[in-house]
N, C-alpha and C. Protein backbone atom coordinates (compact mmCIF):
# COMPACT_ATOMS: atom_id res chain seq x y z
N MET A 1 116.91 86.93 105.85
CA MET A 1 115.79 87.29 106.71
C MET A 1 114.54 86.45 106.40
N LYS A 2 114.58 85.61 105.38
CA LYS A 2 113.37 84.93 104.92
C LYS A 2 112.79 84.00 105.98
N SER A 3 113.64 83.42 106.83
CA SER A 3 113.15 82.45 107.80
C SER A 3 112.95 83.06 109.18
N VAL A 4 112.85 84.39 109.24
CA VAL A 4 112.69 85.10 110.50
C VAL A 4 111.29 85.68 110.57
N ASP A 5 110.63 85.49 111.73
CA ASP A 5 109.27 85.99 111.93
C ASP A 5 109.28 87.51 112.05
N PHE A 6 108.09 88.09 112.21
CA PHE A 6 107.92 89.55 112.29
C PHE A 6 108.54 90.22 111.05
N ALA A 7 108.08 89.78 109.89
CA ALA A 7 108.65 90.25 108.62
C ALA A 7 108.50 91.76 108.44
N GLU A 8 107.55 92.37 109.14
CA GLU A 8 107.38 93.82 109.01
C GLU A 8 108.60 94.59 109.50
N PHE A 9 109.47 93.92 110.24
CA PHE A 9 110.68 94.57 110.75
C PHE A 9 111.82 94.56 109.73
N ASN A 10 111.66 93.83 108.65
CA ASN A 10 112.80 93.60 107.76
C ASN A 10 113.49 94.86 107.24
N PRO A 11 112.77 95.92 106.85
CA PRO A 11 113.48 97.13 106.41
C PRO A 11 114.40 97.71 107.48
N VAL A 12 113.92 97.75 108.72
CA VAL A 12 114.75 98.26 109.82
C VAL A 12 115.90 97.30 110.10
N ARG A 13 115.63 96.01 110.08
CA ARG A 13 116.69 95.03 110.28
C ARG A 13 117.81 95.20 109.26
N GLU A 14 117.43 95.41 108.02
CA GLU A 14 118.45 95.57 106.96
C GLU A 14 119.30 96.81 107.19
N ARG A 15 118.66 97.91 107.61
CA ARG A 15 119.42 99.14 107.85
C ARG A 15 120.37 98.97 109.03
N ILE A 16 119.91 98.32 110.07
CA ILE A 16 120.77 98.12 111.24
C ILE A 16 121.91 97.17 110.88
N LEU A 17 121.62 96.11 110.15
CA LEU A 17 122.66 95.17 109.77
C LEU A 17 123.70 95.83 108.88
N ASP A 18 123.27 96.65 107.93
CA ASP A 18 124.23 97.38 107.09
C ASP A 18 125.15 98.25 107.94
N ALA A 19 124.56 98.97 108.90
CA ALA A 19 125.36 99.85 109.76
C ALA A 19 126.30 99.04 110.64
N LEU A 20 125.82 97.90 111.14
CA LEU A 20 126.64 97.06 112.01
C LEU A 20 127.83 96.49 111.24
N ILE A 21 127.59 96.02 110.03
CA ILE A 21 128.68 95.47 109.22
C ILE A 21 129.70 96.55 108.89
N LYS A 22 129.22 97.74 108.56
CA LYS A 22 130.13 98.83 108.22
C LYS A 22 131.01 99.20 109.40
N VAL A 23 130.43 99.32 110.58
CA VAL A 23 131.21 99.65 111.78
C VAL A 23 132.22 98.54 112.08
N SER A 24 131.76 97.30 112.00
CA SER A 24 132.62 96.17 112.35
C SER A 24 133.75 95.98 111.35
N ASN A 25 133.55 96.43 110.13
CA ASN A 25 134.57 96.28 109.08
C ASN A 25 135.51 97.47 109.04
N GLY A 26 135.28 98.46 109.89
CA GLY A 26 136.12 99.65 109.92
C GLY A 26 137.25 99.51 110.92
N PRO A 27 137.85 100.63 111.31
CA PRO A 27 138.95 100.58 112.29
C PRO A 27 138.53 99.81 113.54
N ARG A 28 139.36 98.88 113.94
CA ARG A 28 138.98 97.98 115.03
C ARG A 28 138.78 98.71 116.35
N SER A 29 139.61 99.68 116.63
CA SER A 29 139.48 100.39 117.90
C SER A 29 138.14 101.15 117.96
N ARG A 30 137.72 101.70 116.83
CA ARG A 30 136.44 102.41 116.78
C ARG A 30 135.29 101.42 116.95
N ALA A 31 135.40 100.26 116.30
CA ALA A 31 134.35 99.25 116.42
C ALA A 31 134.21 98.78 117.86
N ARG A 32 135.34 98.58 118.54
CA ARG A 32 135.27 98.16 119.95
C ARG A 32 134.55 99.21 120.79
N THR A 33 134.86 100.47 120.55
CA THR A 33 134.24 101.54 121.34
C THR A 33 132.74 101.60 121.09
N ILE A 34 132.33 101.56 119.84
CA ILE A 34 130.91 101.66 119.51
C ILE A 34 130.14 100.46 120.03
N LEU A 35 130.72 99.26 119.91
CA LEU A 35 130.03 98.04 120.30
C LEU A 35 130.22 97.70 121.77
N GLY A 36 131.11 98.44 122.44
CA GLY A 36 131.30 98.24 123.87
C GLY A 36 131.95 96.92 124.21
N VAL A 37 132.95 96.52 123.43
CA VAL A 37 133.63 95.25 123.69
C VAL A 37 135.13 95.50 123.83
N SER A 38 135.80 94.54 124.43
CA SER A 38 137.24 94.62 124.59
C SER A 38 137.94 93.86 123.46
N GLU A 39 139.25 93.96 123.44
CA GLU A 39 140.04 93.31 122.40
C GLU A 39 139.84 91.80 122.39
N ARG A 40 139.59 91.22 123.54
CA ARG A 40 139.43 89.76 123.61
C ARG A 40 138.17 89.28 122.90
N LEU A 41 137.27 90.22 122.56
CA LEU A 41 136.05 89.86 121.85
C LEU A 41 136.09 90.26 120.37
N ASP A 42 137.31 90.46 119.87
CA ASP A 42 137.44 90.81 118.45
C ASP A 42 136.83 89.75 117.53
N HIS A 43 136.83 88.50 117.98
CA HIS A 43 136.24 87.44 117.13
C HIS A 43 134.74 87.66 116.93
N GLU A 44 134.09 88.33 117.89
CA GLU A 44 132.67 88.61 117.72
C GLU A 44 132.45 89.76 116.74
N ILE A 45 133.37 90.68 116.70
CA ILE A 45 133.32 91.74 115.68
C ILE A 45 133.51 91.12 114.29
N ASP A 46 134.42 90.16 114.20
CA ASP A 46 134.62 89.46 112.93
C ASP A 46 133.34 88.76 112.48
N ARG A 47 132.60 88.21 113.43
CA ARG A 47 131.32 87.57 113.09
C ARG A 47 130.35 88.57 112.47
N ASN A 48 130.34 89.77 113.02
CA ASN A 48 129.45 90.80 112.46
C ASN A 48 129.76 91.06 110.99
N VAL A 49 131.04 91.12 110.68
CA VAL A 49 131.45 91.40 109.29
C VAL A 49 130.91 90.34 108.34
N GLU A 50 130.87 89.09 108.80
CA GLU A 50 130.46 87.97 107.96
C GLU A 50 129.00 87.59 108.15
N ALA A 51 128.23 88.43 108.81
CA ALA A 51 126.87 88.04 109.21
C ALA A 51 125.98 87.63 108.04
N ARG A 52 126.12 88.28 106.91
CA ARG A 52 125.25 87.94 105.78
C ARG A 52 125.60 86.60 105.13
N GLN A 53 126.84 86.14 105.30
CA GLN A 53 127.26 84.89 104.69
C GLN A 53 127.46 83.78 105.71
N ALA A 54 127.29 84.08 106.98
CA ALA A 54 127.63 83.13 108.03
C ALA A 54 126.62 81.99 108.12
N PRO A 55 127.05 80.83 108.61
CA PRO A 55 126.10 79.74 108.87
C PRO A 55 125.06 80.20 109.90
N CYS A 56 123.85 79.69 109.78
CA CYS A 56 122.77 80.10 110.66
C CYS A 56 122.22 78.89 111.42
N ALA A 57 121.54 79.19 112.51
CA ALA A 57 120.91 78.16 113.33
C ALA A 57 119.74 78.80 114.06
N PRO A 58 118.86 78.00 114.66
CA PRO A 58 117.76 78.59 115.43
C PRO A 58 118.28 79.52 116.52
N ALA A 59 117.55 80.61 116.73
CA ALA A 59 117.98 81.59 117.73
C ALA A 59 118.17 80.95 119.10
N GLY A 60 117.36 79.94 119.43
CA GLY A 60 117.50 79.25 120.70
C GLY A 60 118.85 78.57 120.86
N GLU A 61 119.52 78.28 119.74
CA GLU A 61 120.86 77.70 119.78
C GLU A 61 121.93 78.77 119.66
N ILE A 62 121.65 79.82 118.89
CA ILE A 62 122.65 80.86 118.65
C ILE A 62 122.93 81.68 119.92
N TYR A 63 121.87 82.07 120.61
CA TYR A 63 122.06 82.90 121.80
C TYR A 63 122.61 82.06 122.94
N THR A 64 123.56 82.64 123.67
CA THR A 64 124.19 81.95 124.78
C THR A 64 124.14 82.84 126.02
N GLY A 65 124.58 82.30 127.12
CA GLY A 65 124.59 83.06 128.37
C GLY A 65 123.77 82.36 129.43
N VAL A 66 123.66 83.01 130.56
CA VAL A 66 123.04 82.40 131.73
C VAL A 66 121.60 81.97 131.47
N LEU A 67 120.80 82.84 130.85
CA LEU A 67 119.40 82.52 130.61
C LEU A 67 119.27 81.32 129.68
N TYR A 68 120.02 81.31 128.60
CA TYR A 68 119.88 80.24 127.61
C TYR A 68 120.48 78.94 128.12
N ASP A 69 121.50 79.02 128.98
CA ASP A 69 122.02 77.81 129.62
C ASP A 69 120.94 77.17 130.48
N ALA A 70 120.18 78.02 131.20
CA ALA A 70 119.12 77.51 132.07
C ALA A 70 117.93 76.98 131.26
N LEU A 71 117.66 77.60 130.13
CA LEU A 71 116.57 77.14 129.26
C LEU A 71 116.88 75.77 128.66
N GLU A 72 118.16 75.54 128.35
CA GLU A 72 118.61 74.25 127.76
C GLU A 72 117.80 73.90 126.51
N TRP A 73 117.88 74.77 125.53
CA TRP A 73 117.11 74.60 124.30
C TRP A 73 117.32 73.23 123.67
N SER A 74 118.55 72.73 123.67
CA SER A 74 118.84 71.47 122.97
C SER A 74 118.14 70.28 123.60
N THR A 75 117.70 70.41 124.85
CA THR A 75 117.05 69.28 125.52
C THR A 75 115.53 69.41 125.56
N LEU A 76 114.97 70.46 124.98
CA LEU A 76 113.52 70.60 124.94
C LEU A 76 112.92 69.54 124.02
N THR A 77 111.72 69.11 124.33
CA THR A 77 111.03 68.16 123.47
C THR A 77 110.52 68.86 122.22
N ALA A 78 110.12 68.07 121.25
CA ALA A 78 109.56 68.64 120.02
C ALA A 78 108.32 69.48 120.33
N ALA A 79 107.49 69.02 121.27
CA ALA A 79 106.29 69.77 121.64
C ALA A 79 106.65 71.09 122.30
N GLN A 80 107.67 71.09 123.15
CA GLN A 80 108.10 72.32 123.80
C GLN A 80 108.66 73.32 122.78
N ARG A 81 109.41 72.83 121.83
CA ARG A 81 109.96 73.73 120.80
C ARG A 81 108.84 74.30 119.93
N LYS A 82 107.85 73.50 119.65
CA LYS A 82 106.72 74.01 118.86
C LYS A 82 106.01 75.11 119.63
N ARG A 83 105.80 74.91 120.93
CA ARG A 83 105.17 75.96 121.74
C ARG A 83 106.05 77.22 121.76
N ALA A 84 107.34 77.03 121.89
CA ALA A 84 108.25 78.18 121.91
C ALA A 84 108.16 78.97 120.61
N GLY A 85 107.99 78.26 119.50
CA GLY A 85 107.94 78.93 118.21
C GLY A 85 106.73 79.82 118.03
N SER A 86 105.68 79.60 118.82
CA SER A 86 104.48 80.43 118.69
C SER A 86 104.22 81.31 119.91
N ARG A 87 104.80 80.96 121.05
CA ARG A 87 104.49 81.68 122.29
C ARG A 87 105.61 82.59 122.78
N VAL A 88 106.85 82.28 122.43
CA VAL A 88 108.00 83.01 122.96
C VAL A 88 108.53 83.98 121.92
N ALA A 89 108.79 85.21 122.35
CA ALA A 89 109.45 86.20 121.50
C ALA A 89 110.71 86.67 122.23
N ILE A 90 111.80 86.71 121.52
CA ILE A 90 113.08 87.15 122.07
C ILE A 90 113.33 88.58 121.60
N ALA A 91 113.62 89.47 122.54
CA ALA A 91 113.97 90.85 122.18
C ALA A 91 115.40 90.86 121.66
N SER A 92 115.59 91.52 120.52
CA SER A 92 116.89 91.53 119.86
C SER A 92 117.23 92.93 119.39
N ALA A 93 118.47 93.35 119.64
CA ALA A 93 118.91 94.66 119.18
C ALA A 93 118.98 94.73 117.67
N LEU A 94 119.28 93.62 117.02
CA LEU A 94 119.39 93.58 115.56
C LEU A 94 118.06 93.27 114.89
N PHE A 95 117.29 92.34 115.45
CA PHE A 95 116.09 91.85 114.79
C PHE A 95 114.79 92.40 115.35
N GLY A 96 114.84 93.13 116.44
CA GLY A 96 113.64 93.67 117.06
C GLY A 96 112.98 92.64 117.95
N LEU A 97 112.30 91.69 117.34
CA LEU A 97 111.75 90.52 118.01
C LEU A 97 112.02 89.30 117.15
N LEU A 98 112.24 88.18 117.81
CA LEU A 98 112.49 86.91 117.13
C LEU A 98 111.73 85.81 117.82
N ARG A 99 111.44 84.75 117.10
CA ARG A 99 111.03 83.50 117.70
C ARG A 99 112.29 82.66 117.94
N PRO A 100 112.32 81.86 119.00
CA PRO A 100 113.52 81.04 119.23
C PRO A 100 113.77 80.02 118.13
N THR A 101 112.76 79.74 117.32
CA THR A 101 112.93 78.82 116.19
C THR A 101 113.40 79.53 114.92
N ASP A 102 113.46 80.86 114.93
CA ASP A 102 113.94 81.60 113.76
C ASP A 102 115.42 81.32 113.53
N VAL A 103 115.80 81.22 112.28
CA VAL A 103 117.18 80.87 111.92
C VAL A 103 117.97 82.15 111.65
N ILE A 104 119.03 82.34 112.44
CA ILE A 104 119.82 83.58 112.37
C ILE A 104 121.31 83.26 112.47
N PRO A 105 122.17 84.23 112.08
CA PRO A 105 123.61 84.07 112.32
C PRO A 105 123.98 84.57 113.71
N ALA A 106 125.16 84.22 114.16
CA ALA A 106 125.69 84.80 115.39
C ALA A 106 126.13 86.24 115.11
N TYR A 107 125.98 87.12 116.08
CA TYR A 107 126.37 88.53 115.91
C TYR A 107 126.59 89.14 117.28
N ARG A 108 127.15 90.34 117.29
CA ARG A 108 127.35 91.08 118.55
C ARG A 108 126.74 92.46 118.42
N LEU A 109 125.69 92.72 119.19
CA LEU A 109 125.06 94.04 119.21
C LEU A 109 124.17 94.11 120.43
N SER A 110 124.40 95.12 121.26
CA SER A 110 123.64 95.28 122.50
C SER A 110 122.56 96.35 122.33
N ALA A 111 121.55 96.28 123.20
CA ALA A 111 120.39 97.17 123.09
C ALA A 111 120.75 98.63 123.30
N ASP A 112 121.79 98.90 124.06
CA ASP A 112 122.14 100.29 124.37
C ASP A 112 123.17 100.88 123.41
N THR A 113 123.41 100.21 122.29
CA THR A 113 124.38 100.69 121.31
C THR A 113 123.80 101.82 120.47
N THR A 114 124.67 102.77 120.12
CA THR A 114 124.33 103.83 119.17
C THR A 114 125.17 103.62 117.92
N LEU A 115 124.51 103.37 116.80
CA LEU A 115 125.22 103.09 115.55
C LEU A 115 125.21 104.30 114.63
N PRO A 116 126.33 104.60 113.97
CA PRO A 116 126.35 105.66 112.96
C PRO A 116 125.30 105.39 111.89
N THR A 117 124.62 106.42 111.45
CA THR A 117 123.52 106.42 110.47
C THR A 117 122.21 105.90 111.03
N ILE A 118 122.25 105.24 112.18
CA ILE A 118 121.04 104.71 112.81
C ILE A 118 120.65 105.52 114.03
N GLY A 119 121.63 105.85 114.84
CA GLY A 119 121.38 106.50 116.12
C GLY A 119 121.17 105.43 117.19
N THR A 120 120.43 105.76 118.23
CA THR A 120 120.17 104.76 119.26
C THR A 120 119.24 103.68 118.71
N LEU A 121 119.42 102.47 119.19
CA LEU A 121 118.54 101.40 118.74
C LEU A 121 117.13 101.59 119.27
N ARG A 122 116.99 102.28 120.37
CA ARG A 122 115.65 102.61 120.86
C ARG A 122 114.91 103.46 119.83
N SER A 123 115.60 104.41 119.22
CA SER A 123 114.95 105.26 118.23
C SER A 123 114.55 104.46 117.00
N ALA A 124 115.28 103.39 116.71
CA ALA A 124 114.97 102.57 115.55
C ALA A 124 113.79 101.64 115.79
N TRP A 125 113.63 101.18 117.05
CA TRP A 125 112.65 100.12 117.31
C TRP A 125 111.40 100.57 118.05
N SER A 126 111.48 101.61 118.85
CA SER A 126 110.39 101.89 119.79
C SER A 126 109.06 102.25 119.13
N ALA A 127 109.10 102.70 117.89
CA ALA A 127 107.85 103.07 117.22
C ALA A 127 107.13 101.86 116.61
N ILE A 128 107.83 100.75 116.44
CA ILE A 128 107.22 99.61 115.73
C ILE A 128 107.10 98.34 116.57
N VAL A 129 107.94 98.18 117.58
CA VAL A 129 107.87 96.96 118.39
C VAL A 129 106.55 96.85 119.16
N PRO A 130 106.04 97.93 119.78
CA PRO A 130 104.78 97.77 120.52
C PRO A 130 103.63 97.25 119.67
N ASP A 131 103.49 97.75 118.45
CA ASP A 131 102.42 97.26 117.59
C ASP A 131 102.61 95.78 117.25
N ALA A 132 103.87 95.38 117.08
CA ALA A 132 104.14 93.97 116.78
C ALA A 132 103.77 93.08 117.96
N ILE A 133 104.03 93.57 119.17
CA ILE A 133 103.63 92.82 120.37
C ILE A 133 102.11 92.68 120.41
N ARG A 134 101.41 93.76 120.13
CA ARG A 134 99.95 93.73 120.15
C ARG A 134 99.42 92.72 119.11
N ASN A 135 100.00 92.75 117.92
CA ASN A 135 99.53 91.86 116.86
C ASN A 135 99.85 90.40 117.15
N ALA A 136 100.97 90.17 117.84
CA ALA A 136 101.36 88.79 118.13
C ALA A 136 100.61 88.22 119.32
N ALA A 137 100.22 89.09 120.24
CA ALA A 137 99.55 88.63 121.47
C ALA A 137 98.12 89.14 121.48
N THR A 138 97.31 88.62 120.60
CA THR A 138 95.93 89.10 120.48
C THR A 138 95.04 88.60 121.61
N ARG A 139 95.47 87.58 122.31
CA ARG A 139 94.70 87.06 123.44
C ARG A 139 95.65 86.47 124.46
N GLY A 140 95.10 86.11 125.61
CA GLY A 140 95.94 85.55 126.66
C GLY A 140 96.76 86.62 127.34
N ILE A 141 97.76 86.18 128.10
CA ILE A 141 98.57 87.13 128.84
C ILE A 141 99.95 87.28 128.22
N VAL A 142 100.62 88.36 128.60
CA VAL A 142 102.01 88.60 128.18
C VAL A 142 102.86 88.59 129.44
N LEU A 143 103.83 87.70 129.50
CA LEU A 143 104.80 87.67 130.59
C LEU A 143 106.08 88.30 130.07
N ASP A 144 106.39 89.47 130.58
CA ASP A 144 107.54 90.24 130.10
C ASP A 144 108.74 89.96 130.99
N LEU A 145 109.72 89.26 130.45
CA LEU A 145 110.93 88.89 131.19
C LEU A 145 112.14 89.70 130.75
N ARG A 146 111.94 90.73 129.95
CA ARG A 146 113.06 91.48 129.40
C ARG A 146 113.75 92.34 130.45
N SER A 147 115.04 92.58 130.24
CA SER A 147 115.75 93.57 131.05
C SER A 147 115.28 94.95 130.64
N SER A 148 115.59 95.96 131.46
CA SER A 148 115.12 97.32 131.16
C SER A 148 115.65 97.82 129.83
N ALA A 149 116.88 97.47 129.47
CA ALA A 149 117.46 97.93 128.20
C ALA A 149 116.64 97.44 127.01
N TYR A 150 116.17 96.20 127.09
CA TYR A 150 115.39 95.64 125.99
C TYR A 150 113.93 96.06 126.05
N MET A 151 113.41 96.31 127.25
CA MET A 151 112.08 96.90 127.33
C MET A 151 112.05 98.25 126.64
N ASN A 152 113.15 99.00 126.76
CA ASN A 152 113.20 100.33 126.16
C ASN A 152 113.16 100.29 124.63
N LEU A 153 113.50 99.15 124.04
CA LEU A 153 113.41 99.04 122.59
C LEU A 153 111.97 99.03 122.11
N GLY A 154 111.04 98.74 123.00
CA GLY A 154 109.63 98.72 122.62
C GLY A 154 108.79 98.13 123.73
N PRO A 155 108.16 98.97 124.56
CA PRO A 155 107.36 98.46 125.67
C PRO A 155 106.09 97.77 125.19
N VAL A 156 105.53 96.95 126.06
CA VAL A 156 104.21 96.39 125.80
C VAL A 156 103.22 97.55 125.83
N PRO A 157 102.31 97.67 124.86
CA PRO A 157 101.38 98.80 124.81
C PRO A 157 100.58 98.94 126.11
N GLU A 158 100.33 100.19 126.50
CA GLU A 158 99.62 100.44 127.75
C GLU A 158 98.22 99.85 127.76
N ASP A 159 97.59 99.77 126.58
CA ASP A 159 96.23 99.22 126.55
C ASP A 159 96.22 97.70 126.75
N MET A 160 97.40 97.08 126.89
CA MET A 160 97.49 95.66 127.21
C MET A 160 97.92 95.44 128.66
N ALA A 161 97.98 96.51 129.44
CA ALA A 161 98.52 96.42 130.80
C ALA A 161 97.77 95.44 131.67
N GLU A 162 96.45 95.38 131.51
CA GLU A 162 95.64 94.52 132.38
C GLU A 162 95.92 93.03 132.19
N ARG A 163 96.56 92.67 131.05
CA ARG A 163 96.91 91.27 130.83
C ARG A 163 98.41 91.08 130.61
N THR A 164 99.19 92.05 131.12
CA THR A 164 100.64 91.97 131.05
C THR A 164 101.22 91.83 132.45
N VAL A 165 102.20 90.96 132.60
CA VAL A 165 102.86 90.73 133.89
C VAL A 165 104.37 90.90 133.67
N VAL A 166 104.99 91.75 134.47
CA VAL A 166 106.44 91.92 134.46
C VAL A 166 107.00 91.11 135.63
N ALA A 167 107.97 90.28 135.34
CA ALA A 167 108.55 89.41 136.37
C ALA A 167 109.80 90.04 136.97
N ARG A 168 109.91 89.91 138.28
CA ARG A 168 111.09 90.35 139.01
C ARG A 168 111.56 89.20 139.89
N VAL A 169 112.86 88.96 139.90
CA VAL A 169 113.42 87.88 140.70
C VAL A 169 114.04 88.47 141.96
N LEU A 170 113.59 87.98 143.11
CA LEU A 170 114.12 88.43 144.40
C LEU A 170 114.76 87.25 145.10
N GLN A 171 115.90 87.51 145.71
CA GLN A 171 116.57 86.46 146.47
C GLN A 171 116.31 86.67 147.96
N GLN A 172 115.89 85.61 148.63
CA GLN A 172 115.65 85.65 150.07
C GLN A 172 116.97 85.44 150.79
N ARG A 173 117.37 86.45 151.56
CA ARG A 173 118.58 86.36 152.37
C ARG A 173 118.21 86.60 153.82
N GLY A 174 117.99 85.53 154.56
CA GLY A 174 117.49 85.67 155.92
C GLY A 174 116.10 86.26 155.90
N SER A 175 115.93 87.38 156.56
CA SER A 175 114.62 88.04 156.60
C SER A 175 114.47 89.09 155.50
N LYS A 176 115.51 89.27 154.68
CA LYS A 176 115.49 90.30 153.66
C LYS A 176 115.36 89.71 152.27
N ARG A 177 114.78 90.50 151.38
CA ARG A 177 114.72 90.14 149.98
C ARG A 177 115.44 91.20 149.17
N VAL A 178 116.29 90.76 148.28
CA VAL A 178 117.07 91.70 147.47
C VAL A 178 116.86 91.39 145.99
N VAL A 179 116.84 92.43 145.19
CA VAL A 179 116.75 92.27 143.75
C VAL A 179 118.09 91.80 143.22
N VAL A 180 118.08 90.75 142.45
CA VAL A 180 119.31 90.26 141.85
C VAL A 180 119.34 90.70 140.40
N SER A 181 120.53 90.91 139.88
CA SER A 181 120.65 91.45 138.53
C SER A 181 121.07 90.36 137.55
N HIS A 182 122.37 90.17 137.38
CA HIS A 182 122.85 89.28 136.33
C HIS A 182 122.28 87.88 136.44
N HIS A 183 122.34 87.28 137.63
CA HIS A 183 121.99 85.87 137.75
C HIS A 183 120.49 85.63 137.82
N ASN A 184 119.70 86.71 137.82
CA ASN A 184 118.25 86.48 137.71
C ASN A 184 117.89 85.86 136.37
N LYS A 185 118.80 85.98 135.42
CA LYS A 185 118.55 85.41 134.09
C LYS A 185 118.40 83.90 134.15
N ALA A 186 119.14 83.27 135.07
CA ALA A 186 119.02 81.81 135.19
C ALA A 186 117.61 81.43 135.63
N THR A 187 117.08 82.16 136.60
CA THR A 187 115.71 81.88 137.04
C THR A 187 114.73 82.10 135.90
N LYS A 188 114.92 83.18 135.12
CA LYS A 188 114.01 83.44 134.02
C LYS A 188 114.09 82.35 132.95
N GLY A 189 115.28 81.85 132.71
CA GLY A 189 115.40 80.74 131.76
C GLY A 189 114.66 79.51 132.23
N ARG A 190 114.74 79.23 133.52
CA ARG A 190 114.02 78.07 134.08
C ARG A 190 112.51 78.31 134.05
N LEU A 191 112.09 79.55 134.27
CA LEU A 191 110.66 79.87 134.19
C LEU A 191 110.12 79.56 132.81
N VAL A 192 110.82 80.01 131.79
CA VAL A 192 110.36 79.75 130.41
C VAL A 192 110.29 78.26 130.16
N ARG A 193 111.30 77.54 130.58
CA ARG A 193 111.31 76.09 130.38
C ARG A 193 110.09 75.45 131.05
N SER A 194 109.80 75.87 132.28
CA SER A 194 108.64 75.32 132.99
C SER A 194 107.35 75.61 132.25
N LEU A 195 107.19 76.83 131.75
CA LEU A 195 105.95 77.22 131.09
C LEU A 195 105.77 76.52 129.74
N LEU A 196 106.88 76.15 129.11
CA LEU A 196 106.78 75.42 127.84
C LEU A 196 106.31 73.99 128.05
N GLY A 197 106.27 73.54 129.29
CA GLY A 197 105.84 72.19 129.58
C GLY A 197 104.36 72.06 129.87
N VAL A 198 103.62 73.18 129.80
CA VAL A 198 102.18 73.15 130.10
C VAL A 198 101.40 73.66 128.91
N GLY A 199 100.08 73.47 128.97
CA GLY A 199 99.21 73.98 127.91
C GLY A 199 99.08 75.48 127.96
N ARG A 200 98.15 76.00 127.19
CA ARG A 200 97.97 77.45 127.11
C ARG A 200 97.53 78.01 128.45
N ILE A 201 98.12 79.14 128.81
CA ILE A 201 97.78 79.83 130.05
C ILE A 201 96.83 80.97 129.69
N THR A 202 95.66 80.98 130.29
CA THR A 202 94.59 81.87 129.83
C THR A 202 94.53 83.21 130.54
N ASP A 203 94.94 83.25 131.81
CA ASP A 203 94.84 84.51 132.54
C ASP A 203 95.91 84.56 133.62
N ILE A 204 95.97 85.69 134.35
CA ILE A 204 97.03 85.89 135.32
C ILE A 204 96.93 84.93 136.51
N PRO A 205 95.74 84.69 137.08
CA PRO A 205 95.65 83.69 138.14
C PRO A 205 96.14 82.31 137.68
N ASP A 206 95.86 81.99 136.42
CA ASP A 206 96.31 80.72 135.85
C ASP A 206 97.84 80.68 135.84
N LEU A 207 98.48 81.78 135.48
CA LEU A 207 99.93 81.85 135.46
C LEU A 207 100.52 81.61 136.84
N THR A 208 99.98 82.32 137.84
CA THR A 208 100.53 82.15 139.20
C THR A 208 100.32 80.72 139.69
N GLY A 209 99.18 80.13 139.34
CA GLY A 209 98.93 78.75 139.73
C GLY A 209 99.91 77.78 139.10
N VAL A 210 100.18 77.97 137.81
CA VAL A 210 101.12 77.09 137.10
C VAL A 210 102.52 77.22 137.70
N LEU A 211 102.94 78.45 137.98
CA LEU A 211 104.28 78.64 138.55
C LEU A 211 104.36 78.03 139.95
N GLY A 212 103.28 78.18 140.72
CA GLY A 212 103.27 77.58 142.04
C GLY A 212 103.38 76.07 141.97
N GLU A 213 102.64 75.46 141.04
CA GLU A 213 102.70 74.01 140.87
C GLU A 213 104.07 73.54 140.40
N ALA A 214 104.80 74.43 139.72
CA ALA A 214 106.14 74.10 139.24
C ALA A 214 107.19 74.28 140.34
N GLY A 215 106.76 74.73 141.51
CA GLY A 215 107.69 74.84 142.63
C GLY A 215 108.21 76.24 142.91
N TYR A 216 107.68 77.24 142.20
CA TYR A 216 108.15 78.61 142.41
C TYR A 216 107.30 79.30 143.47
N ARG A 217 107.95 80.12 144.29
CA ARG A 217 107.24 80.95 145.26
C ARG A 217 107.04 82.31 144.60
N VAL A 218 105.80 82.68 144.35
CA VAL A 218 105.52 83.91 143.62
C VAL A 218 104.52 84.77 144.40
N GLU A 219 104.64 86.08 144.20
CA GLU A 219 103.72 87.03 144.79
C GLU A 219 103.30 88.02 143.71
N LEU A 220 102.01 88.18 143.53
CA LEU A 220 101.46 89.01 142.47
C LEU A 220 100.98 90.34 143.03
N SER A 221 101.30 91.43 142.32
CA SER A 221 100.85 92.77 142.72
C SER A 221 100.27 93.48 141.51
N PRO A 222 99.18 94.25 141.70
CA PRO A 222 98.62 95.00 140.57
C PRO A 222 99.51 96.16 140.17
N GLY A 223 99.30 96.67 138.97
CA GLY A 223 100.05 97.84 138.53
C GLY A 223 99.68 99.09 139.31
N ARG A 224 100.50 100.12 139.19
CA ARG A 224 100.26 101.38 139.90
C ARG A 224 98.98 102.04 139.45
N ASN A 225 98.65 101.85 138.17
CA ASN A 225 97.43 102.45 137.62
C ASN A 225 96.98 101.60 136.44
N ASP A 226 95.93 102.04 135.75
CA ASP A 226 95.35 101.23 134.67
C ASP A 226 96.29 101.02 133.49
N SER A 227 97.31 101.87 133.36
CA SER A 227 98.24 101.73 132.22
C SER A 227 99.55 101.05 132.62
N SER A 228 99.62 100.55 133.85
CA SER A 228 100.82 99.85 134.32
C SER A 228 100.55 98.36 134.39
N PRO A 229 101.53 97.54 134.01
CA PRO A 229 101.33 96.09 134.05
C PRO A 229 101.35 95.55 135.47
N TRP A 230 100.88 94.33 135.63
CA TRP A 230 101.00 93.62 136.89
C TRP A 230 102.47 93.30 137.15
N LEU A 231 102.81 93.07 138.40
CA LEU A 231 104.17 92.68 138.78
C LEU A 231 104.10 91.35 139.51
N ILE A 232 104.93 90.43 139.08
CA ILE A 232 105.03 89.15 139.78
C ILE A 232 106.46 88.98 140.30
N ASP A 233 106.58 88.84 141.61
CA ASP A 233 107.87 88.60 142.24
C ASP A 233 108.07 87.10 142.35
N VAL A 234 109.23 86.65 141.87
CA VAL A 234 109.61 85.26 142.01
C VAL A 234 110.70 85.22 143.07
N ILE A 235 110.38 84.60 144.21
CA ILE A 235 111.30 84.63 145.34
C ILE A 235 112.09 83.32 145.38
N VAL A 236 113.40 83.46 145.36
CA VAL A 236 114.27 82.29 145.34
C VAL A 236 115.26 82.37 146.50
N ASP A 237 115.70 81.21 146.96
CA ASP A 237 116.74 81.16 147.97
C ASP A 237 118.11 81.10 147.31
N ASP A 238 118.19 80.39 146.19
CA ASP A 238 119.43 80.26 145.44
C ASP A 238 119.22 80.72 144.02
N ILE A 239 120.23 81.30 143.43
CA ILE A 239 120.15 81.79 142.06
C ILE A 239 120.58 80.70 141.10
């Protein structure tokens, strides 16, 4: 854990990792049920068992999937990676929050998992993640790209609502707009990549302007009340 940011999380991280290793090292059928994976993903359970001794790499390289494919971490410039290391936080079921430059092992654990001796991961993280967000984002805006499951691990504090923006990806289909689920991650990965190519963004109008200049069609709406964040719709024709 020495090379991972948000060191205040380390006691909780250690408890979750201990529980994860114990489950993964137990009866395989039970581990599959708890972790919500099929037999074809047994190799990921094996990774959990070896997590403390496994080779590590920056989180931007370890995490895979649609969002990270679109981000293309390996092709970012040195300046973009430096910005990511101070501006981007990744929500993690095991680590709470991470920087993409933090060095971690590969593992399998989802936000909605309930671990023996830990309980729900929301119960483990929700009391401490909001304060960490506040401490990390002392100025400027917060663009929250997390899925609902990871938002539940620790929302952005309500007293930061006026400078927080939650992004939603909508696909234009003829005259209709529909919320997309899985593949919205690709758009979010591209958004992060675009934002890493510019200087510091100071306020919400600045954010919408930068996204517009990057070719995104966006629509900004205020929160429902003073404790609700702003909403920015990113409208795309293709996912």
